């Protein structure tokens, strides 16, 4: 169980770093990133329930 949480946390951190890099490289894509992040968040919450 603890290992799952750690893996999940690592994936979230990696995703955040990638999103940050994309945002820096392509400022115009920030709204798209926001939409994608919202969809991912909804999916994660839905899978938890």
Protein backbone atom coordinates (compact mmCIF):
# COMPACT_ATOMS: atom_id res chain seq x y z
CA UNK A 1 0.00 0.00 0.00
CA UNK A 2 2.78 2.39 0.99
CA UNK A 3 4.66 1.56 -2.22
CA UNK A 4 1.57 2.39 -4.31
CA UNK A 5 1.32 5.81 -2.66
CA UNK A 6 5.01 6.48 -3.31
CA UNK A 7 4.70 5.45 -6.98
CA UNK A 8 1.59 7.62 -7.35
CA UNK A 9 3.39 10.58 -5.77
CA UNK A 10 6.39 10.10 -8.07
CA UNK A 11 4.10 10.04 -11.13
CA UNK A 12 2.37 13.25 -10.00
CA UNK A 13 5.75 14.96 -9.46
CA UNK A 14 7.03 13.83 -12.89
CA UNK A 15 3.80 15.00 -14.54
CA UNK A 16 4.07 18.37 -12.78
CA UNK A 17 7.68 18.80 -13.97
CA UNK A 18 6.72 17.91 -17.56
CA UNK A 19 3.75 20.31 -17.48
CA UNK A 20 6.01 23.02 -16.06
CA UNK A 21 8.56 22.50 -18.83
CA UNK A 22 5.83 22.64 -21.50
CA UNK A 23 4.38 25.81 -19.92
CA UNK A 24 7.81 27.48 -20.01
CA UNK A 25 8.47 26.36 -23.59
CA UNK A 26 4.98 27.17 -24.93
CA UNK A 27 3.20 29.85 -22.86
CA UNK A 28 0.29 29.83 -25.33
CA UNK A 29 -0.51 26.21 -24.39
CA UNK A 30 -1.21 27.00 -20.70
CA UNK A 31 -5.04 26.98 -21.16
CA UNK A 32 -4.79 23.57 -22.88
CA UNK A 33 -2.63 22.28 -20.01
CA UNK A 34 -5.27 23.55 -17.57
CA UNK A 35 -8.00 21.60 -19.35
CA UNK A 36 -5.87 18.44 -19.50
CA UNK A 37 -4.97 18.79 -15.80
CA UNK A 38 -8.66 19.16 -14.91
CA UNK A 39 -9.56 16.03 -16.91
CA UNK A 40 -6.74 14.04 -15.29
CA UNK A 41 -7.79 15.23 -11.81
CA UNK A 42 -11.40 14.16 -12.47
CA UNK A 43 -10.24 10.76 -13.73
CA UNK A 44 -8.01 10.22 -10.67
CA UNK A 45 -10.86 11.12 -8.30
CA UNK A 46 -13.28 8.91 -10.25
CA UNK A 47 -10.88 5.93 -10.11
CA UNK A 48 -10.47 6.40 -6.34
CA UNK A 49 -14.23 6.11 -5.69
